[in-house]
C-alpha cells in the first residue's frame, strides 16, 4: 500500500497498490490474509477488517495504539530481533 502521496521508498520495485478511495482500500485489506505494517492509518484500517494485523512500533506506545481484536498483535522493533519477527509472521500465516 502506498501513501496518499503515491511515493515508494523502494522505487516501486515490488508489487504495490495505490488508491485515494477509502472504501476501495478497506475492501482490498478485507481480502488479505495478513497486513504487516508500521503504526499508521493503514494499520488501523486493516485492524478494523477481518484481516490479521501486525503493527510495527518504534516510537509510539504499543500499549496504547496497538491493533486489538482477532489475532492482531504488535511488534516493538526496539526490543524484538528480526528472527523473532519472522517467527511471529510465520505463526499467524499458517
PDB file of N, CA and C in Angstrom:
ATOM      1  N   UNK A   1       0.838  -1.167   0.000  1.00  0.00           N
ATOM      2  CA  UNK A   1       0.000   0.000   0.000  1.00  0.00           C
ATOM      3  C   UNK A   1       0.889   1.238   0.000  1.00  0.00           C
ATOM      4  N   UNK A   2       0.595   2.135  -0.864  1.00  0.00           N
ATOM      5  CA  UNK A   2       1.362   3.368  -0.934  1.00  0.00           C
ATOM      6  C   UNK A   2       0.610   4.496  -0.243  1.00  0.00           C
ATOM      7  N   UNK A   3       1.341   5.478   0.280  1.00  0.00           N
ATOM      8  CA  UNK A   3       0.685   6.599   0.955  1.00  0.00           C
ATOM      9  C   UNK A   3      -0.017   7.515  -0.047  1.00  0.00           C
ATOM     10  N   UNK A   4      -0.763   8.444   0.470  1.00  0.00           N
ATOM     11  CA  UNK A   4      -1.554   9.356  -0.365  1.00  0.00           C
ATOM     12  C   UNK A   4      -0.687  10.104  -1.376  1.00  0.00           C
ATOM     13  N   UNK A   5       0.583  10.290  -1.055  1.00  0.00           N
ATOM     14  CA  UNK A   5       1.485  10.999  -1.975  1.00  0.00           C
ATOM     15  C   UNK A   5       1.898  10.138  -3.166  1.00  0.00           C
ATOM     16  N   UNK A   6       1.540   8.838  -3.152  1.00  0.00           N
ATOM     17  CA  UNK A   6       1.877   7.883  -4.216  1.00  0.00           C
ATOM     18  C   UNK A   6       3.387   7.837  -4.458  1.00  0.00           C
ATOM     19  N   UNK A   7       4.135   7.696  -3.367  1.00  0.00           N
ATOM     20  CA  UNK A   7       5.581   7.572  -3.458  1.00  0.00           C
ATOM     21  C   UNK A   7       6.000   6.222  -2.883  1.00  0.00           C
ATOM     22  N   UNK A   8       7.143   5.739  -3.318  1.00  0.00           N
ATOM     23  CA  UNK A   8       7.661   4.464  -2.847  1.00  0.00           C
ATOM     24  C   UNK A   8       9.093   4.645  -2.377  1.00  0.00           C
ATOM     25  N   UNK A   9       9.385   4.182  -1.177  1.00  0.00           N
ATOM     26  CA  UNK A   9      10.746   4.288  -0.660  1.00  0.00           C
ATOM     27  C   UNK A   9      11.672   3.251  -1.285  1.00  0.00           C
ATOM     28  N   UNK A  10      11.105   2.310  -2.038  1.00  0.00           N
ATOM     29  CA  UNK A  10      11.925   1.313  -2.739  1.00  0.00           C
ATOM     30  C   UNK A  10      11.752   1.441  -4.249  1.00  0.00           C
ATOM     31  N   UNK A  11      11.408   2.644  -4.706  1.00  0.00           N
ATOM     32  CA  UNK A  11      11.289   2.959  -6.139  1.00  0.00           C
ATOM     33  C   UNK A  11      10.354   2.012  -6.889  1.00  0.00           C
ATOM     34  N   UNK A  12       9.236   1.644  -6.256  1.00  0.00           N
ATOM     35  CA  UNK A  12       8.200   0.822  -6.885  1.00  0.00           C
ATOM     36  C   UNK A  12       8.733  -0.536  -7.364  1.00  0.00           C
ATOM     37  N   UNK A  13       9.762  -1.057  -6.692  1.00  0.00           N
ATOM     38  CA  UNK A  13      10.378  -2.332  -7.080  1.00  0.00           C
ATOM     39  C   UNK A  13       9.499  -3.544  -6.773  1.00  0.00           C
ATOM     40  N   UNK A  14       8.574  -3.426  -5.851  1.00  0.00           N
ATOM     41  CA  UNK A  14       7.712  -4.561  -5.511  1.00  0.00           C
ATOM     42  C   UNK A  14       6.286  -4.270  -5.980  1.00  0.00           C
ATOM     43  N   UNK A  15       5.467  -5.295  -5.922  1.00  0.00           N
ATOM     44  CA  UNK A  15       4.059  -5.128  -6.248  1.00  0.00           C
ATOM     45  C   UNK A  15       3.489  -4.109  -5.268  1.00  0.00           C
ATOM     46  N   UNK A  16       2.713  -3.181  -5.763  1.00  0.00           N
ATOM     47  CA  UNK A  16       2.181  -2.146  -4.889  1.00  0.00           C
ATOM     48  C   UNK A  16       0.740  -1.814  -5.277  1.00  0.00           C
ATOM     49  N   UNK A  17       0.088  -1.119  -4.382  1.00  0.00           N
ATOM     50  CA  UNK A  17      -1.300  -0.733  -4.586  1.00  0.00           C
ATOM     51  C   UNK A  17      -1.465   0.708  -4.128  1.00  0.00           C
ATOM     52  N   UNK A  18      -2.217   1.480  -4.901  1.00  0.00           N
ATOM     53  CA  UNK A  18      -2.462   2.869  -4.548  1.00  0.00           C
ATOM     54  C   UNK A  18      -3.905   3.234  -4.869  1.00  0.00           C
ATOM     55  N   UNK A  19      -4.532   3.937  -3.943  1.00  0.00           N
ATOM     56  CA  UNK A  19      -5.870   4.467  -4.165  1.00  0.00           C
ATOM     57  C   UNK A  19      -6.121   5.576  -3.150  1.00  0.00           C
ATOM     58  N   UNK A  20      -6.978   6.517  -3.519  1.00  0.00           N
ATOM     59  CA  UNK A  20      -7.425   7.543  -2.575  1.00  0.00           C
ATOM     60  C   UNK A  20      -8.818   7.210  -2.042  1.00  0.00           C
ATOM     61  N   UNK A  21      -9.404   6.127  -2.542  1.00  0.00           N
ATOM     62  CA  UNK A  21     -10.756   5.727  -2.175  1.00  0.00           C
ATOM     63  C   UNK A  21     -10.711   4.841  -0.933  1.00  0.00           C
ATOM     64  N   UNK A  22     -11.152   5.377   0.203  1.00  0.00           N
ATOM     65  CA  UNK A  22     -11.080   4.656   1.470  1.00  0.00           C
ATOM     66  C   UNK A  22     -11.846   3.335   1.433  1.00  0.00           C
ATOM     67  N   UNK A  23     -12.998   3.313   0.797  1.00  0.00           N
ATOM     68  CA  UNK A  23     -13.782   2.063   0.709  1.00  0.00           C
ATOM     69  C   UNK A  23     -13.049   1.015  -0.118  1.00  0.00           C
ATOM     70  N   UNK A  24     -12.413   1.450  -1.182  1.00  0.00           N
ATOM     71  CA  UNK A  24     -11.654   0.522  -2.020  1.00  0.00           C
ATOM     72  C   UNK A  24     -10.470  -0.049  -1.243  1.00  0.00           C
ATOM     73  N   UNK A  25      -9.779   0.806  -0.517  1.00  0.00           N
ATOM     74  CA  UNK A  25      -8.645   0.357   0.294  1.00  0.00           C
ATOM     75  C   UNK A  25      -9.116  -0.646   1.349  1.00  0.00           C
ATOM     76  N   UNK A  26     -10.221  -0.350   2.018  1.00  0.00           N
ATOM     77  CA  UNK A  26     -10.758  -1.257   3.037  1.00  0.00           C
ATOM     78  C   UNK A  26     -11.149  -2.593   2.418  1.00  0.00           C
ATOM     79  N   UNK A  27     -11.701  -2.566   1.211  1.00  0.00           N
ATOM     80  CA  UNK A  27     -12.081  -3.810   0.529  1.00  0.00           C
ATOM     81  C   UNK A  27     -10.849  -4.655   0.216  1.00  0.00           C
ATOM     82  N   UNK A  28      -9.787  -4.011  -0.232  1.00  0.00           N
ATOM     83  CA  UNK A  28      -8.542  -4.736  -0.504  1.00  0.00           C
ATOM     84  C   UNK A  28      -8.008  -5.345   0.788  1.00  0.00           C
ATOM     85  N   UNK A  29      -7.960  -4.553   1.848  1.00  0.00           N
ATOM     86  CA  UNK A  29      -7.464  -5.047   3.133  1.00  0.00           C
ATOM     87  C   UNK A  29      -8.308  -6.202   3.654  1.00  0.00           C
ATOM     88  N   UNK A  30      -9.608  -6.125   3.491  1.00  0.00           N
ATOM     89  CA  UNK A  30     -10.519  -7.181   3.951  1.00  0.00           C
ATOM     90  C   UNK A  30     -10.201  -8.518   3.293  1.00  0.00           C
ATOM     91  N   UNK A  31      -9.657  -8.480   2.098  1.00  0.00           N
ATOM     92  CA  UNK A  31      -9.372  -9.700   1.349  1.00  0.00           C
ATOM     93  C   UNK A  31      -7.928 -10.178   1.481  1.00  0.00           C
ATOM     94  N   UNK A  32      -7.181  -9.581   2.386  1.00  0.00           N
ATOM     95  CA  UNK A  32      -5.806 -10.016   2.657  1.00  0.00           C
ATOM     96  C   UNK A  32      -5.810 -11.030   3.792  1.00  0.00           C
ATOM     97  N   UNK A  33      -4.842 -11.915   3.787  1.00  0.00           N
ATOM     98  CA  UNK A  33      -4.706 -12.864   4.885  1.00  0.00           C
ATOM     99  C   UNK A  33      -4.070 -12.190   6.097  1.00  0.00           C
ATOM    100  N   UNK A  34      -3.066 -11.363   5.844  1.00  0.00           N
ATOM    101  CA  UNK A  34      -2.380 -10.663   6.923  1.00  0.00           C
ATOM    102  C   UNK A  34      -1.906  -9.300   6.412  1.00  0.00           C
ATOM    103  N   UNK A  35      -1.963  -8.300   7.290  1.00  0.00           N
ATOM    104  CA  UNK A  35      -1.408  -6.985   6.987  1.00  0.00           C
ATOM    105  C   UNK A  35      -0.269  -6.762   7.953  1.00  0.00           C
ATOM    106  N   UNK A  36       0.883  -6.426   7.429  1.00  0.00           N
ATOM    107  CA  UNK A  36       2.087  -6.226   8.208  1.00  0.00           C
ATOM    108  C   UNK A  36       2.599  -4.837   7.885  1.00  0.00           C
ATOM    109  N   UNK A  37       2.561  -3.930   8.850  1.00  0.00           N
ATOM    110  CA  UNK A  37       2.996  -2.578   8.551  1.00  0.00           C
ATOM    111  C   UNK A  37       3.225  -1.737   9.788  1.00  0.00           C
ATOM    112  N   UNK A  38       3.778  -0.560   9.544  1.00  0.00           N
ATOM    113  CA  UNK A  38       4.078   0.378  10.615  1.00  0.00           C
ATOM    114  C   UNK A  38       2.791   0.919  11.234  1.00  0.00           C
ATOM    115  N   UNK A  39       2.918   1.423  12.451  1.00  0.00           N
ATOM    116  CA  UNK A  39       1.810   2.096  13.120  1.00  0.00           C
ATOM    117  C   UNK A  39       1.396   3.265  12.222  1.00  0.00           C
ATOM    118  N   UNK A  40       0.211   3.148  11.639  1.00  0.00           N
ATOM    119  CA  UNK A  40      -0.248   4.144  10.671  1.00  0.00           C
ATOM    120  C   UNK A  40      -1.759   4.027  10.509  1.00  0.00           C
ATOM    121  N   UNK A  41      -2.311   4.922   9.751  1.00  0.00           N
ATOM    122  CA  UNK A  41      -3.737   4.851   9.446  1.00  0.00           C
ATOM    123  C   UNK A  41      -4.098   3.562   8.741  1.00  0.00           C
ATOM    124  N   UNK A  42      -3.236   3.106   7.838  1.00  0.00           N
ATOM    125  CA  UNK A  42      -3.496   1.851   7.114  1.00  0.00           C
ATOM    126  C   UNK A  42      -3.531   0.669   8.075  1.00  0.00           C
ATOM    127  N   UNK A  43      -2.622   0.677   9.055  1.00  0.00           N
ATOM    128  CA  UNK A  43      -2.608  -0.409  10.031  1.00  0.00           C
ATOM    129  C   UNK A  43      -3.917  -0.434  10.816  1.00  0.00           C
ATOM    130  N   UNK A  44      -4.388   0.731  11.224  1.00  0.00           N
ATOM    131  CA  UNK A  44      -5.629   0.780  12.000  1.00  0.00           C
ATOM    132  C   UNK A  44      -6.836   0.398  11.131  1.00  0.00           C
ATOM    133  N   UNK A  45      -6.817   0.781   9.865  1.00  0.00           N
ATOM    134  CA  UNK A  45      -7.891   0.379   8.950  1.00  0.00           C
ATOM    135  C   UNK A  45      -7.871  -1.133   8.757  1.00  0.00           C
ATOM    136  N   UNK A  46      -6.694  -1.706   8.589  1.00  0.00           N
ATOM    137  CA  UNK A  46      -6.581  -3.161   8.446  1.00  0.00           C
ATOM    138  C   UNK A  46      -7.115  -3.870   9.687  1.00  0.00           C
ATOM    139  N   UNK A  47      -6.802  -3.331  10.863  1.00  0.00           N
ATOM    140  CA  UNK A  47      -7.255  -3.938  12.120  1.00  0.00           C
ATOM    141  C   UNK A  47      -8.775  -3.889  12.252  1.00  0.00           C
ATOM    142  N   UNK A  48      -9.405  -2.941  11.576  1.00  0.00           N
ATOM    143  CA  UNK A  48     -10.863  -2.820  11.633  1.00  0.00           C
ATOM    144  C   UNK A  48     -11.553  -3.827  10.714  1.00  0.00           C
ATOM    145  N   UNK A  49     -10.781  -4.512   9.872  1.00  0.00           N
ATOM    146  CA  UNK A  49     -11.337  -5.538   8.988  1.00  0.00           C
ATOM    147  C   UNK A  49     -11.144  -6.898   9.656  1.00  0.00           C
ATOM    148  N   UNK A  50     -11.419  -7.959   8.927  1.00  0.00           N
ATOM    149  CA  UNK A  50     -11.200  -9.312   9.443  1.00  0.00           C
ATOM    150  C   UNK A  50      -9.791  -9.815   9.167  1.00  0.00           C
ATOM    151  N   UNK A  51      -8.919  -8.942   8.707  1.00  0.00           N
ATOM    152  CA  UNK A  51      -7.551  -9.319   8.368  1.00  0.00           C
ATOM    153  C   UNK A  51      -6.659  -9.279   9.605  1.00  0.00           C
ATOM    154  N   UNK A  52      -5.887 -10.344   9.804  1.00  0.00           N
ATOM    155  CA  UNK A  52      -4.922 -10.341  10.897  1.00  0.00           C
ATOM    156  C   UNK A  52      -3.927  -9.216  10.656  1.00  0.00           C
ATOM    157  N   UNK A  53      -3.734  -8.382  11.657  1.00  0.00           N
ATOM    158  CA  UNK A  53      -2.894  -7.192  11.517  1.00  0.00           C
ATOM    159  C   UNK A  53      -1.722  -7.254  12.476  1.00  0.00           C
ATOM    160  N   UNK A  54      -0.537  -7.042  11.917  1.00  0.00           N
ATOM    161  CA  UNK A  54       0.689  -6.998  12.715  1.00  0.00           C
ATOM    162  C   UNK A  54       1.248  -5.591  12.607  1.00  0.00           C
ATOM    163  N   UNK A  55       1.250  -4.866  13.712  1.00  0.00           N
ATOM    164  CA  UNK A  55       1.731  -3.491  13.710  1.00  0.00           C
ATOM    165  C   UNK A  55       3.152  -3.386  14.216  1.00  0.00           C
ATOM    166  N   UNK A  56       3.978  -2.667  13.460  1.00  0.00           N
ATOM    167  CA  UNK A  56       5.355  -2.420  13.866  1.00  0.00           C
ATOM    168  C   UNK A  56       5.420  -1.096  14.618  1.00  0.00           C
ATOM    169  N   UNK A  57       5.971  -1.137  15.809  1.00  0.00           N
ATOM    170  CA  UNK A  57       6.049   0.060  16.651  1.00  0.00           C
ATOM    171  C   UNK A  57       7.484   0.358  17.002  1.00  0.00           C
ATOM    172  N   UNK A  58       7.852   1.635  16.875  1.00  0.00           N
ATOM    173  CA  UNK A  58       9.196   2.069  17.197  1.00  0.00           C
ATOM    174  C   UNK A  58       9.167   3.266  18.139  1.00  0.00           C
ATOM    175  N   UNK A  59       8.328   4.244  17.830  1.00  0.00           N
ATOM    176  CA  UNK A  59       8.268   5.483  18.605  1.00  0.00           C
ATOM    177  C   UNK A  59       7.006   5.538  19.459  1.00  0.00           C
ATOM    178  N   UNK A  60       5.852   5.289  18.848  1.00  0.00           N
ATOM    179  CA  UNK A  60       4.596   5.368  19.595  1.00  0.00           C
ATOM    180  C   UNK A  60       4.457   4.192  20.551  1.00  0.00           C
ATOM    181  N   UNK A  61       3.606   4.348  21.541  1.00  0.00           N
ATOM    182  CA  UNK A  61       3.440   3.339  22.582  1.00  0.00           C
ATOM    183  C   UNK A  61       2.464   2.256  22.132  1.00  0.00           C
ATOM    184  N   UNK A  62       2.950   1.022  21.944  1.00  0.00           N
ATOM    185  CA  UNK A  62       2.053  -0.049  21.515  1.00  0.00           C
ATOM    186  C   UNK A  62       0.980  -0.371  22.554  1.00  0.00           C
ATOM    187  N   UNK A  63       1.266  -0.114  23.831  1.00  0.00           N
ATOM    188  CA  UNK A  63       0.271  -0.376  24.874  1.00  0.00           C
ATOM    189  C   UNK A  63      -0.987   0.467  24.655  1.00  0.00           C
ATOM    190  N   UNK A  64      -0.835   1.577  23.968  1.00  0.00           N
ATOM    191  CA  UNK A  64      -1.964   2.473  23.713  1.00  0.00           C
ATOM    192  C   UNK A  64      -2.514   2.300  22.303  1.00  0.00           C
ATOM    193  N   UNK A  65      -1.622   2.187  21.312  1.00  0.00           N
ATOM    194  CA  UNK A  65      -2.031   2.264  19.914  1.00  0.00           C
ATOM    195  C   UNK A  65      -2.003   0.942  19.145  1.00  0.00           C
ATOM    196  N   UNK A  66      -1.659  -0.149  19.781  1.00  0.00           N
ATOM    197  CA  UNK A  66      -1.571  -1.434  19.077  1.00  0.00           C
ATOM    198  C   UNK A  66      -2.932  -1.860  18.526  1.00  0.00           C
ATOM    199  N   UNK A  67      -2.925  -2.591  17.416  1.00  0.00           N
ATOM    200  CA  UNK A  67      -4.193  -3.120  16.898  1.00  0.00           C
ATOM    201  C   UNK A  67      -4.726  -4.175  17.864  1.00  0.00           C
ATOM    202  N   UNK A  68      -6.019  -4.200  18.073  1.00  0.00           N
ATOM    203  CA  UNK A  68      -6.574  -5.180  19.001  1.00  0.00           C
ATOM    204  C   UNK A  68      -7.654  -5.995  18.303  1.00  0.00           C
ATOM    205  N   UNK A  69      -8.034  -7.094  18.944  1.00  0.00           N
ATOM    206  CA  UNK A  69      -9.052  -7.975  18.388  1.00  0.00           C
ATOM    207  C   UNK A  69      -8.448  -9.010  17.456  1.00  0.00           C
ATOM    208  N   UNK A  70      -9.294  -9.933  17.017  1.00  0.00           N
ATOM    209  CA  UNK A  70      -8.867 -11.010  16.109  1.00  0.00           C
ATOM    210  C   UNK A  70      -7.555 -11.620  16.583  1.00  0.00           C
ATOM    211  N   UNK A  71      -6.642 -11.895  15.659  1.00  0.00           N
ATOM    212  CA  UNK A  71      -5.308 -12.392  16.004  1.00  0.00           C
ATOM    213  C   UNK A  71      -4.293 -11.257  15.915  1.00  0.00           C
ATOM    214  N   UNK A  72      -4.758 -10.036  15.976  1.00  0.00           N
ATOM    215  CA  UNK A  72      -3.892  -8.878  15.802  1.00  0.00           C
ATOM    216  C   UNK A  72      -2.846  -8.810  16.903  1.00  0.00           C
ATOM    217  N   UNK A  73      -1.670  -8.311  16.534  1.00  0.00           N
ATOM    218  CA  UNK A  73      -0.611  -8.163  17.514  1.00  0.00           C
ATOM    219  C   UNK A  73       0.302  -7.017  17.125  1.00  0.00           C
ATOM    220  N   UNK A  74       1.152  -6.645  18.060  1.00  0.00           N
ATOM    221  CA  UNK A  74       2.127  -5.605  17.764  1.00  0.00           C
ATOM    222  C   UNK A  74       3.521  -6.158  17.965  1.00  0.00           C
ATOM    223  N   UNK A  75       4.469  -5.531  17.302  1.00  0.00           N
ATOM    224  CA  UNK A  75       5.872  -5.882  17.449  1.00  0.00           C
ATOM    225  C   UNK A  75       6.627  -4.595  17.782  1.00  0.00           C
ATOM    226  N   UNK A  76       7.286  -4.599  18.914  1.00  0.00           N
ATOM    227  CA  UNK A  76       8.110  -3.463  19.312  1.00  0.00           C
ATOM    228  C   UNK A  76       9.474  -3.660  18.670  1.00  0.00           C
ATOM    229  N   UNK A  77       9.758  -2.884  17.648  1.00  0.00           N
ATOM    230  CA  UNK A  77      11.010  -3.064  16.903  1.00  0.00           C
ATOM    231  C   UNK A  77      12.239  -2.610  17.686  1.00  0.00           C
ATOM    232  N   UNK A  78      12.028  -1.979  18.823  1.00  0.00           N
ATOM    233  CA  UNK A  78      13.153  -1.594  19.682  1.00  0.00           C
ATOM    234  C   UNK A  78      13.678  -2.777  20.481  1.00  0.00           C
ATOM    235  N   UNK A  79      12.818  -3.750  20.737  1.00  0.00           N
ATOM    236  CA  UNK A  79      13.192  -4.861  21.612  1.00  0.00           C
ATOM    237  C   UNK A  79      13.091  -6.231  20.960  1.00  0.00           C
ATOM    238  N   UNK A  80      12.604  -6.300  19.729  1.00  0.00           N
ATOM    239  CA  UNK A  80      12.395  -7.582  19.068  1.00  0.00           C
ATOM    240  C   UNK A  80      13.406  -7.774  17.942  1.00  0.00           C
ATOM    241  N   UNK A  81      14.070  -8.910  17.942  1.00  0.00           N
ATOM    242  CA  UNK A  81      15.046  -9.230  16.903  1.00  0.00           C
ATOM    243  C   UNK A  81      14.340  -9.675  15.620  1.00  0.00           C
ATOM    244  N   UNK A  82      15.014  -9.530  14.496  1.00  0.00           N
ATOM    245  CA  UNK A  82      14.433  -9.851  13.192  1.00  0.00           C
ATOM    246  C   UNK A  82      13.969 -11.307  13.129  1.00  0.00           C
ATOM    247  N   UNK A  83      14.751 -12.244  13.642  1.00  0.00           N
ATOM    248  CA  UNK A  83      14.345 -13.647  13.593  1.00  0.00           C
ATOM    249  C   UNK A  83      13.075 -13.898  14.406  1.00  0.00           C
ATOM    250  N   UNK A  84      12.898 -13.178  15.501  1.00  0.00           N
ATOM    251  CA  UNK A  84      11.658 -13.292  16.283  1.00  0.00           C
ATOM    252  C   UNK A  84      10.468 -12.757  15.488  1.00  0.00           C
ATOM    253  N   UNK A  85      10.676 -11.649  14.777  1.00  0.00           N
ATOM    254  CA  UNK A  85       9.612 -11.067  13.955  1.00  0.00           C
ATOM    255  C   UNK A  85       9.194 -12.054  12.872  1.00  0.00           C
ATOM    256  N   UNK A  86      10.167 -12.677  12.220  1.00  0.00           N
ATOM    257  CA  UNK A  86       9.867 -13.657  11.167  1.00  0.00           C
ATOM    258  C   UNK A  86       9.093 -14.824  11.747  1.00  0.00           C
ATOM    259  N   UNK A  87       9.452 -15.294  12.919  1.00  0.00           N
ATOM    260  CA  UNK A  87       8.723 -16.400  13.563  1.00  0.00           C
ATOM    261  C   UNK A  87       7.286 -15.987  13.887  1.00  0.00           C
ATOM    262  N   UNK A  88       7.078 -14.756  14.312  1.00  0.00           N
ATOM    263  CA  UNK A  88       5.722 -14.278  14.602  1.00  0.00           C
ATOM    264  C   UNK A  88       4.884 -14.199  13.324  1.00  0.00           C
ATOM    265  N   UNK A  89       5.503 -13.768  12.247  1.00  0.00           N
ATOM    266  CA  UNK A  89       4.796 -13.721  10.960  1.00  0.00           C
ATOM    267  C   UNK A  89       4.400 -15.128  10.528  1.00  0.00           C
ATOM    268  N   UNK A  90       5.323 -16.063  10.629  1.00  0.00           N
ATOM    269  CA  UNK A  90       5.038 -17.456  10.260  1.00  0.00           C
ATOM    270  C   UNK A  90       3.892 -18.013  11.112  1.00  0.00           C
ATOM    271  N   UNK A  91       3.880 -17.681  12.385  1.00  0.00           N
ATOM    272  CA  UNK A  91       2.861 -18.211  13.296  1.00  0.00           C
ATOM    273  C   UNK A  91       1.457 -17.762  12.922  1.00  0.00           C
ATOM    274  N   UNK A  92       1.306 -16.539  12.439  1.00  0.00           N
ATOM    275  CA  UNK A  92      -0.044 -16.045  12.114  1.00  0.00           C
ATOM    276  C   UNK A  92      -0.457 -16.343  10.686  1.00  0.00           C
ATOM    277  N   UNK A  93       0.491 -16.767   9.824  1.00  0.00           N
ATOM    278  CA  UNK A  93       0.133 -17.034   8.434  1.00  0.00           C
ATOM    279  C   UNK A  93      -0.064 -18.515   8.161  1.00  0.00           C
ATOM    280  N   UNK A  94       0.086 -19.351   9.169  1.00  0.00           N
ATOM    281  CA  UNK A  94      -0.109 -20.804   8.990  1.00  0.00           C
ATOM    282  C   UNK A  94      -1.586 -21.122   8.914  1.00  0.00           C
TER     283      UNK A  94
END
